[in-house]
Amino acid sequence: MKFLYSDTQDYVDPGYDFLNDRNSPNRERYWSDVYAHEMMEPMPYDGLLVSMSAVRQATGVASSKVRYSTREEQRLLRDGARKFLRFDGPRFKDAMLMGDCGAFAYADHPVPAYTPEEVVEFYLEAGFTHGVSPDHIIFNCDLSNPPESIVDVAVRQRFAITLANAEAFLGLVGREGMPFVPLGSVQGWSPESMAEAAHRLERMGYRYLAIGGLVPLKVDAIKAVLTAIRMRIQPDTKIHLLGFAKADSIHEFTDFGITSFDSTSPLIRAFKDEKVNYYSEGIDGKLAYYTAIRIPQAIENNRLMQGIKRGAFSAEDLHHRERKALGELRAFDGGASSVSATLDAVMDYHQFLVRGDGTGAAMQDKALSKTAALVQRTLEHQPWKQCRCDVCRTIGVEVIIFRSSNRNKRRGFHNLGVYHRHLRRTLGEAA
């Protein structure tokens, strides 16, 4: 089973100055920066997935979150995705490089933003090893398996559009001589309808299926979908899980014959989750999680800046507490401070992120107490000292500090590495 990371233009400045919170001198975005697969050995995933909607603005879709500038898109298509992502060379020659449409970008529109012809052209120019047919997301999965006759007409249209696109897409790829492995996209309103879609795709000639619409589903619902699909397709037909948000539960899916899946979860959690920011390898073979220690920059944090502008907080006082929290944590890492003294300094500053949020003193005290308990656990266990990945060995305690993109993304790189090792271990146990 291969783990693909969905590219979101995540790279870091290798020479970042953590003590002064500055980029390296003469740093140029992208050109001076490094991706996770450049920074870490071994690389923390088995391949990359790039969504067309992240590279190219979809016509008529203003909400599309394009992460590439026009110049970057042109360079990616001119040089190929491997070279652009610095995913070329002997180290990565066998790694998968998959393209999909990024259907979430146009989910609210009646038809997909890209035609099969446009998608095939994009995949060919980018030089992907695998490409997913253009789909149209169906979000709801009714486990009661309602018949098609009572399903909303708009949902049935999305089902039909996805299959029609898959048929046209496969024909185009075949005429090009199959330069990449085509994956037929599966969408449906229930496990049985998704199984029917998979069956039809297999009859078209697909031998690799990409299961979509999984992001909002719970583990049991995803299992129901995969069980239904496996009953309708050949044992050797491959399955890819698109945007598999339940990646931490991968041990529950080893019996479904999954060939590959993609997820951004380990990296995204590093800076978007309230509690689960740092992955660690648990002694029971499961993943363990820690809360990163929030010490934001006083003059850049929105909540703190709003308090300063209102006159509720003093910029000079916040800056003093911020420096004290950082200094105490670094001293603790070097053995020159205690858990209690470090926790006091951290929470003395952290309280300003909670006070004045309008919830009332009792709720604020409760929130601060919960945070203090989580931070205390992180300090007592010091997980960054147990990890031997390239990130933790290089920057030490800075990886556990929730502060600025260069720390947070490095913590995300670390999470990817821990997760990838966990996956390999899980598969070894399941074999």
Protein backbone atom coordinates (compact mmCIF):
# COMPACT_ATOMS: atom_id res chain seq x y z
CA MET A 1 0.00 0.00 0.00
CA LYS A 2 1.45 3.34 -1.10
CA PHE A 3 1.00 6.60 0.79
CA LEU A 4 0.88 9.69 -1.42
CA TYR A 5 1.10 13.20 -0.05
CA SER A 6 -1.13 15.77 -1.76
CA ASP A 7 1.11 18.65 -2.81
CA THR A 8 0.08 22.00 -1.36
CA GLN A 9 3.28 23.90 -2.13
CA ASP A 10 4.69 23.08 1.31
CA TYR A 11 8.37 23.88 1.58
CA VAL A 12 10.59 25.55 4.16
CA ASP A 13 13.65 27.76 4.33
CA PRO A 14 16.54 25.41 5.24
CA GLY A 15 18.56 28.27 6.74
CA TYR A 16 15.78 29.81 8.84
CA ASP A 17 17.05 31.61 11.98
CA PHE A 18 14.85 30.30 14.80
CA LEU A 19 16.35 32.44 17.54
CA ASN A 20 15.62 35.67 15.69
CA ASP A 21 12.66 34.41 13.63
CA ARG A 22 14.16 35.46 10.32
CA ASN A 23 14.51 33.88 6.93
CA SER A 24 18.02 33.22 5.74
CA PRO A 25 19.79 36.13 4.00
CA ASN A 26 18.84 36.52 0.30
CA ARG A 27 16.28 33.73 0.59
CA GLU A 28 14.09 33.39 -2.52
CA ARG A 29 10.72 31.69 -2.11
CA TYR A 30 10.70 28.23 -3.71
CA TRP A 31 14.20 28.54 -5.22
CA SER A 32 15.96 28.60 -1.84
CA ASP A 33 13.45 26.37 -0.08
CA VAL A 34 13.22 22.60 0.27
CA TYR A 35 10.36 20.10 0.16
CA ALA A 36 9.93 17.34 2.74
CA HIS A 37 11.37 14.76 0.35
CA GLU A 38 14.51 16.88 -0.03
CA MET A 39 14.94 17.49 3.69
CA MET A 40 14.26 13.99 4.99
CA GLU A 41 15.93 10.63 4.40
CA PRO A 42 14.15 8.39 3.72
CA MET A 43 11.45 10.48 2.08
CA PRO A 44 8.29 10.58 4.23
CA TYR A 45 5.86 9.26 1.58
CA ASP A 46 5.77 6.94 -1.42
CA GLY A 47 4.67 9.51 -3.95
CA LEU A 48 2.96 12.82 -4.60
CA LEU A 49 -0.47 13.80 -5.84
CA VAL A 50 -1.03 17.13 -7.61
CA SER A 51 -4.53 18.49 -8.16
CA MET A 52 -5.28 20.36 -11.36
CA SER A 53 -7.41 22.84 -9.42
CA ALA A 54 -4.40 23.76 -7.27
CA VAL A 55 -2.36 24.58 -10.36
CA ARG A 56 -4.86 26.10 -12.77
CA GLN A 57 -7.76 28.44 -12.05
CA ALA A 58 -10.99 26.71 -13.00
CA THR A 59 -13.09 28.75 -15.43
CA GLY A 60 -16.00 30.36 -13.64
CA VAL A 61 -14.90 29.08 -10.22
CA ALA A 62 -13.80 32.13 -8.23
CA SER A 63 -13.48 30.09 -5.04
CA SER A 64 -10.82 27.79 -6.46
CA LYS A 65 -7.84 27.82 -4.10
CA VAL A 66 -5.08 27.98 -6.70
CA ARG A 67 -1.71 27.61 -5.01
CA TYR A 68 0.42 28.14 -8.12
CA SER A 69 1.08 31.46 -9.78
CA THR A 70 0.67 31.66 -13.55
CA ARG A 71 4.45 31.60 -13.88
CA GLU A 72 4.71 28.51 -11.68
CA GLU A 73 1.99 26.73 -13.66
CA GLN A 74 3.81 27.46 -16.90
CA ARG A 75 7.10 26.22 -15.47
CA LEU A 76 5.50 23.02 -14.14
CA LEU A 77 3.99 22.24 -17.55
CA ARG A 78 7.15 23.20 -19.43
CA ASP A 79 9.60 21.28 -17.26
CA GLY A 80 7.26 18.58 -15.99
CA ALA A 81 5.95 18.04 -12.47
CA ARG A 82 8.89 15.89 -11.36
CA LYS A 83 11.43 18.58 -12.11
CA PHE A 84 9.26 21.38 -10.72
CA LEU A 85 8.68 19.49 -7.47
CA ARG A 86 12.35 18.42 -7.41
CA PHE A 87 11.04 14.87 -7.34
CA ASP A 88 13.34 13.66 -10.11
CA GLY A 89 16.69 11.88 -9.94
CA PRO A 90 17.59 8.32 -8.93
CA ARG A 91 16.12 8.62 -5.40
CA PHE A 92 12.61 9.13 -6.71
CA LYS A 93 12.62 7.23 -9.99
CA ASP A 94 10.14 4.59 -8.75
CA ALA A 95 7.91 6.96 -6.80
CA MET A 96 4.34 7.54 -7.95
CA LEU A 97 3.33 10.95 -9.26
CA MET A 98 -0.44 11.14 -9.58
CA GLY A 99 -2.70 13.82 -10.97
CA ASP A 100 -6.35 14.44 -10.17
CA CYS A 101 -8.79 17.26 -10.80
CA GLY A 102 -9.26 18.49 -7.24
CA ALA A 103 -13.04 18.27 -7.54
CA PHE A 104 -13.64 20.05 -4.21
CA ALA A 105 -12.76 23.30 -5.98
CA TYR A 106 -15.85 23.10 -8.19
CA ALA A 107 -18.11 21.02 -5.93
CA ASP A 108 -20.80 23.74 -5.83
CA HIS A 109 -21.06 23.97 -9.61
CA PRO A 110 -23.48 21.96 -11.77
CA VAL A 111 -20.73 20.49 -13.96
CA PRO A 112 -16.98 19.82 -13.51
CA ALA A 113 -14.67 22.73 -14.26
CA TYR A 114 -12.47 20.73 -16.64
CA THR A 115 -13.32 18.55 -19.63
CA PRO A 116 -11.72 15.11 -20.16
CA GLU A 117 -9.72 16.61 -23.03
CA GLU A 118 -8.30 19.38 -20.81
CA VAL A 119 -7.46 16.92 -18.06
CA VAL A 120 -5.63 14.52 -20.35
CA GLU A 121 -3.64 17.40 -21.84
CA PHE A 122 -2.70 18.60 -18.35
CA TYR A 123 -1.58 15.12 -17.24
CA LEU A 124 0.49 14.63 -20.40
CA GLU A 125 2.24 17.98 -20.13
CA ALA A 126 2.96 17.50 -16.42
CA GLY A 127 4.31 14.00 -16.99
CA PHE A 128 2.34 12.14 -14.33
CA THR A 129 2.77 8.40 -13.88
CA HIS A 130 -0.93 8.06 -12.91
CA GLY A 131 -4.01 10.16 -13.66
CA VAL A 132 -7.56 10.14 -12.30
CA SER A 133 -10.55 10.73 -14.57
CA PRO A 134 -12.47 14.00 -13.94
CA ASP A 135 -15.21 13.45 -11.37
CA HIS A 136 -18.05 15.37 -9.74
CA ILE A 137 -18.29 14.90 -5.98
CA ILE A 138 -21.32 13.33 -4.33
CA PHE A 139 -21.04 14.15 -0.63
CA ASN A 140 -23.78 12.15 1.03
CA CYS A 141 -23.45 8.39 1.43
CA ASP A 142 -26.69 6.76 2.57
CA LEU A 143 -25.87 3.39 4.14
CA SER A 144 -29.49 2.27 3.67
CA ASN A 145 -28.79 2.03 -0.09
CA PRO A 146 -31.86 3.86 -1.45
CA PRO A 147 -32.82 2.97 -5.04
CA GLU A 148 -31.86 5.35 -7.83
CA SER A 149 -35.51 6.19 -8.48
CA ILE A 150 -35.86 8.13 -5.20
CA VAL A 151 -32.46 9.83 -5.29
CA ASP A 152 -32.33 13.56 -6.01
CA VAL A 153 -31.96 14.27 -9.73
CA ALA A 154 -28.88 16.47 -9.17
CA VAL A 155 -27.11 13.59 -7.41
CA ARG A 156 -27.99 11.20 -10.23
CA GLN A 157 -26.62 13.73 -12.73
CA ARG A 158 -23.29 13.85 -10.87
CA PHE A 159 -23.17 10.06 -10.93
CA ALA A 160 -23.82 9.99 -14.69
CA ILE A 161 -21.37 12.83 -15.43
CA THR A 162 -18.58 11.09 -13.54
CA LEU A 163 -19.07 7.84 -15.47
CA ALA A 164 -19.41 9.60 -18.85
CA ASN A 165 -16.21 11.56 -18.17
CA ALA A 166 -14.42 8.35 -17.21
CA GLU A 167 -15.40 6.69 -20.48
CA ALA A 168 -14.29 9.67 -22.58
CA PHE A 169 -11.09 10.02 -20.53
CA LEU A 170 -10.09 6.37 -21.03
CA GLY A 171 -10.67 6.64 -24.75
CA LEU A 172 -8.42 9.70 -24.98
CA VAL A 173 -5.67 8.10 -22.91
CA GLY A 174 -5.83 4.98 -25.08
CA ARG A 175 -5.41 7.04 -28.24
CA GLU A 176 -2.30 8.62 -26.71
CA GLY A 177 -0.79 5.18 -26.19
CA MET A 178 -1.43 4.96 -22.41
CA PRO A 179 1.45 7.28 -21.38
CA PHE A 180 0.25 7.13 -17.78
CA VAL A 181 -1.86 4.69 -15.76
CA PRO A 182 -5.50 5.83 -15.88
CA LEU A 183 -7.68 5.58 -12.77
CA GLY A 184 -11.45 5.60 -13.07
CA SER A 185 -13.10 7.82 -10.50
CA VAL A 186 -15.87 6.29 -8.38
CA GLN A 187 -18.68 8.46 -7.00
CA GLY A 188 -22.06 7.46 -5.61
CA TRP A 189 -24.81 8.20 -3.10
CA SER A 190 -24.53 4.87 -1.26
CA PRO A 191 -22.24 1.84 -0.94
CA GLU A 192 -24.27 -0.06 -3.56
CA SER A 193 -24.28 2.81 -6.07
CA MET A 194 -20.50 3.21 -5.65
CA ALA A 195 -20.10 -0.52 -6.18
CA GLU A 196 -22.21 -0.23 -9.35
CA ALA A 197 -20.01 2.64 -10.56
CA ALA A 198 -16.88 0.57 -9.87
CA HIS A 199 -18.36 -2.37 -11.79
CA ARG A 200 -19.14 -0.16 -14.80
CA LEU A 201 -15.66 1.36 -14.74
CA GLU A 202 -14.11 -2.09 -14.72
CA ARG A 203 -16.25 -3.06 -17.72
CA MET A 204 -14.99 0.04 -19.54
CA GLY A 205 -11.46 -1.29 -19.14
CA TYR A 206 -10.18 0.32 -15.94
CA ARG A 207 -7.94 -1.79 -13.73
CA TYR A 208 -7.26 0.93 -11.17
CA LEU A 209 -10.12 2.74 -9.43
CA ALA A 210 -10.02 5.97 -7.41
CA ILE A 211 -12.70 6.08 -4.71
CA GLY A 212 -13.93 9.63 -4.13
CA GLY A 213 -16.32 11.30 -1.71
CA LEU A 214 -14.67 9.74 1.35
CA VAL A 215 -13.56 12.88 3.18
CA PRO A 216 -16.74 13.44 5.27
CA LEU A 217 -17.36 9.73 5.94
CA LYS A 218 -16.68 7.91 9.19
CA VAL A 219 -14.62 4.74 9.36
CA ASP A 220 -17.61 2.38 9.37
CA ALA A 221 -19.15 4.09 6.35
CA ILE A 222 -15.89 3.84 4.40
CA LYS A 223 -15.67 0.15 5.29
CA ALA A 224 -19.23 -0.36 4.02
CA VAL A 225 -18.31 1.32 0.73
CA LEU A 226 -15.16 -0.75 0.26
CA THR A 227 -16.94 -3.98 1.17
CA ALA A 228 -19.63 -3.31 -1.43
CA ILE A 229 -17.09 -2.35 -4.09
CA ARG A 230 -14.88 -5.39 -3.50
CA MET A 231 -17.90 -7.66 -3.96
CA ARG A 232 -18.50 -6.23 -7.46
CA ILE A 233 -14.99 -6.04 -8.92
CA GLN A 234 -12.15 -8.45 -9.68
CA PRO A 235 -9.70 -9.26 -6.87
CA ASP A 236 -6.76 -7.89 -8.87
CA THR A 237 -8.39 -4.54 -9.67
CA LYS A 238 -6.48 -1.87 -7.78
CA ILE A 239 -8.03 0.70 -5.47
CA HIS A 240 -6.87 4.21 -4.56
CA LEU A 241 -8.58 6.19 -1.77
CA LEU A 242 -8.83 9.88 -2.67
CA GLY A 243 -8.34 12.32 0.21
CA PHE A 244 -8.35 9.61 2.86
CA ALA A 245 -8.94 11.70 5.99
CA LYS A 246 -8.94 8.62 8.25
CA ALA A 247 -5.31 7.83 7.53
CA ASP A 248 -4.56 7.25 11.23
CA SER A 249 -7.01 4.32 11.11
CA ILE A 250 -5.25 2.65 8.19
CA HIS A 251 -4.73 -0.52 10.26
CA GLU A 252 -8.49 -1.12 9.97
CA PHE A 253 -8.33 -1.20 6.16
CA THR A 254 -5.59 -3.71 5.44
CA ASP A 255 -8.07 -6.40 4.29
CA PHE A 256 -9.61 -4.40 1.43
CA GLY A 257 -6.79 -4.74 -1.09
CA ILE A 258 -5.97 -1.03 -1.16
CA THR A 259 -3.08 -0.24 -3.48
CA SER A 260 -2.65 3.42 -2.60
CA PHE A 261 -4.20 6.42 -0.86
CA ASP A 262 -3.46 10.11 -0.50
CA SER A 263 -3.75 12.33 2.54
CA THR A 264 -2.55 15.69 3.82
CA SER A 265 -3.71 14.98 7.38
CA PRO A 266 -0.33 14.40 9.11
CA LEU A 267 1.04 17.72 7.88
CA ILE A 268 -2.15 19.77 8.20
CA ARG A 269 -2.63 18.66 11.81
CA ALA A 270 0.72 20.20 12.71
CA PHE A 271 -0.80 23.68 12.53
CA LYS A 272 -4.58 23.34 12.21
CA ASP A 273 -5.46 20.90 14.99
CA GLU A 274 -6.01 22.26 18.50
CA LYS A 275 -4.48 19.26 20.28
CA VAL A 276 -2.95 16.76 17.83
CA ASN A 277 0.08 18.59 16.43
CA TYR A 278 3.06 16.27 16.92
CA TYR A 279 3.07 12.58 15.96
CA SER A 280 5.12 10.05 17.89
CA GLU A 281 5.64 6.31 17.71
CA GLY A 282 3.82 4.72 20.63
CA ILE A 283 5.23 1.71 22.47
CA ASP A 284 2.06 -0.28 21.65
CA GLY A 285 2.64 -0.03 17.91
CA LYS A 286 0.05 2.72 17.57
CA LEU A 287 0.57 6.39 16.91
CA ALA A 288 0.85 8.70 19.91
CA TYR A 289 0.03 12.40 19.75
CA TYR A 290 1.23 15.50 21.54
CA THR A 291 0.10 19.09 21.71
CA ALA A 292 2.55 21.65 20.38
CA ILE A 293 3.38 24.55 22.69
CA ARG A 294 1.86 27.77 21.39
CA ILE A 295 4.13 30.78 21.72
CA PRO A 296 2.99 33.04 18.86
CA GLN A 297 4.72 36.21 17.82
CA ALA A 298 2.95 38.98 19.73
CA ILE A 299 3.11 41.51 16.93
CA GLU A 300 1.82 39.07 14.28
CA ASN A 301 -0.90 37.09 16.06
CA ASN A 302 -4.34 38.45 15.09
CA ARG A 303 -5.97 38.07 18.51
CA LEU A 304 -3.06 39.65 20.34
CA MET A 305 -2.83 42.49 17.85
CA GLN A 306 -6.54 43.20 18.20
CA GLY A 307 -6.12 43.37 21.99
CA ILE A 308 -3.21 45.77 21.58
CA LYS A 309 -5.21 48.00 19.21
CA ARG A 310 -8.14 48.09 21.66
CA GLY A 311 -5.78 49.02 24.46
CA ALA A 312 -6.61 45.85 26.39
CA PHE A 313 -3.05 44.54 26.15
CA SER A 314 0.33 46.25 26.28
CA ALA A 315 2.59 45.43 23.35
CA GLU A 316 5.68 45.83 25.55
CA ASP A 317 4.24 43.53 28.24
CA LEU A 318 3.24 40.84 25.71
CA HIS A 319 6.65 40.93 24.10
CA HIS A 320 8.31 40.48 27.51
CA ARG A 321 6.11 37.46 28.34
CA GLU A 322 6.69 36.01 24.90
CA ARG A 323 10.48 36.19 25.25
CA LYS A 324 10.28 34.73 28.76
CA ALA A 325 8.20 31.76 27.55
CA LEU A 326 10.63 31.05 24.71
CA GLY A 327 13.66 31.45 26.96
CA GLU A 328 12.24 29.18 29.66
CA LEU A 329 11.35 26.46 27.15
CA ARG A 330 14.80 26.52 25.59
CA ALA A 331 16.39 26.46 29.04
CA PHE A 332 14.21 23.47 29.95
CA ASP A 333 15.36 21.68 26.80
CA GLY A 334 18.95 22.23 27.91
CA GLY A 335 18.29 20.95 31.43
CA ALA A 336 18.41 24.38 33.06
CA SER A 337 14.73 24.72 33.99
CA SER A 338 11.94 22.58 35.42
CA VAL A 339 8.59 21.43 34.03
CA SER A 340 6.69 23.63 36.49
CA ALA A 341 8.70 26.79 35.80
CA THR A 342 8.42 26.28 32.04
CA LEU A 343 4.71 25.54 32.21
CA ASP A 344 4.14 28.69 34.29
CA ALA A 345 5.98 30.87 31.77
CA VAL A 346 4.18 29.33 28.80
CA MET A 347 0.72 29.64 30.34
CA ASP A 348 1.43 33.16 31.63
CA TYR A 349 1.73 34.18 27.97
CA HIS A 350 -0.86 31.77 26.58
CA GLN A 351 -3.63 33.22 28.74
CA PHE A 352 -3.76 36.27 26.50
CA LEU A 353 -4.87 34.05 23.61
CA VAL A 354 -7.95 33.10 25.65
CA ARG A 355 -8.81 36.07 27.86
CA GLY A 356 -11.27 38.44 26.28
CA ASP A 357 -12.75 35.93 23.85
CA GLY A 358 -16.24 36.66 25.14
CA THR A 359 -16.91 33.23 26.68
CA GLY A 360 -16.73 34.38 30.30
CA ALA A 361 -14.16 33.81 33.02
CA ALA A 362 -15.35 30.30 33.98
CA MET A 363 -15.14 28.98 30.43
CA GLN A 364 -11.79 30.67 29.93
CA ASP A 365 -10.38 29.14 33.12
CA LYS A 366 -11.58 25.71 31.98
CA ALA A 367 -9.95 26.12 28.56
CA LEU A 368 -6.68 27.26 30.12
CA SER A 369 -6.69 24.33 32.54
CA LYS A 370 -7.12 21.85 29.67
CA THR A 371 -4.33 23.47 27.70
CA ALA A 372 -2.02 23.46 30.72
CA ALA A 373 -2.57 19.71 31.20
CA LEU A 374 -1.74 19.02 27.55
CA VAL A 375 1.37 21.21 27.62
CA GLN A 376 2.52 19.61 30.86
CA ARG A 377 2.29 16.16 29.24
CA THR A 378 4.35 17.38 26.28
CA LEU A 379 7.01 18.82 28.62
CA GLU A 380 7.14 15.71 30.80
CA HIS A 381 7.51 13.31 27.86
CA GLN A 382 9.80 15.54 25.72
CA PRO A 383 8.96 13.55 22.55
CA TRP A 384 11.25 15.64 20.34
CA LYS A 385 14.24 14.20 22.20
CA GLN A 386 13.18 10.63 21.42
CA CYS A 387 12.78 11.20 17.68
CA ARG A 388 15.71 10.66 15.32
CA CYS A 389 14.15 12.12 12.18
CA ASP A 390 16.10 14.76 10.27
CA VAL A 391 13.81 17.56 11.49
CA CYS A 392 14.00 16.80 15.21
CA ARG A 393 17.73 16.08 15.13
CA THR A 394 18.40 19.38 13.40
CA ILE A 395 16.17 21.89 15.22
CA GLY A 396 15.42 20.14 18.52
CA VAL A 397 12.87 21.82 20.76
CA GLU A 398 11.94 24.35 18.05
CA VAL A 399 9.87 21.61 16.38
CA ILE A 400 7.42 21.49 19.30
CA ILE A 401 6.86 25.28 19.33
CA PHE A 402 3.66 26.34 17.58
CA ARG A 403 4.97 29.53 16.00
CA SER A 404 5.52 30.66 12.40
CA SER A 405 5.33 28.64 9.21
CA ASN A 406 8.92 27.42 9.25
CA ARG A 407 8.46 25.64 12.57
CA ASN A 408 4.93 24.43 11.90
CA LYS A 409 5.65 22.99 8.48
CA ARG A 410 8.81 21.28 9.74
CA ARG A 411 6.65 19.68 12.43
CA GLY A 412 4.34 18.63 9.60
CA PHE A 413 7.31 17.07 7.77
CA HIS A 414 8.17 15.21 10.96
CA ASN A 415 4.56 13.98 11.20
CA LEU A 416 4.70 12.69 7.63
CA GLY A 417 7.85 10.75 8.44
CA VAL A 418 6.41 9.22 11.61
CA TYR A 419 3.19 8.33 9.81
CA HIS A 420 5.04 6.73 6.89
CA ARG A 421 7.07 4.55 9.27
CA HIS A 422 3.85 3.63 11.10
CA LEU A 423 2.25 2.59 7.81
CA ARG A 424 5.22 0.41 6.85
CA ARG A 425 5.16 -1.18 10.30
CA THR A 426 1.40 -1.78 10.11
CA LEU A 427 1.67 -3.40 6.69
CA GLY A 428 4.54 -5.56 7.89
CA GLU A 429 2.41 -6.81 10.75
CA ALA A 430 -0.54 -7.40 8.44
CA ALA A 431 1.50 -9.32 5.87
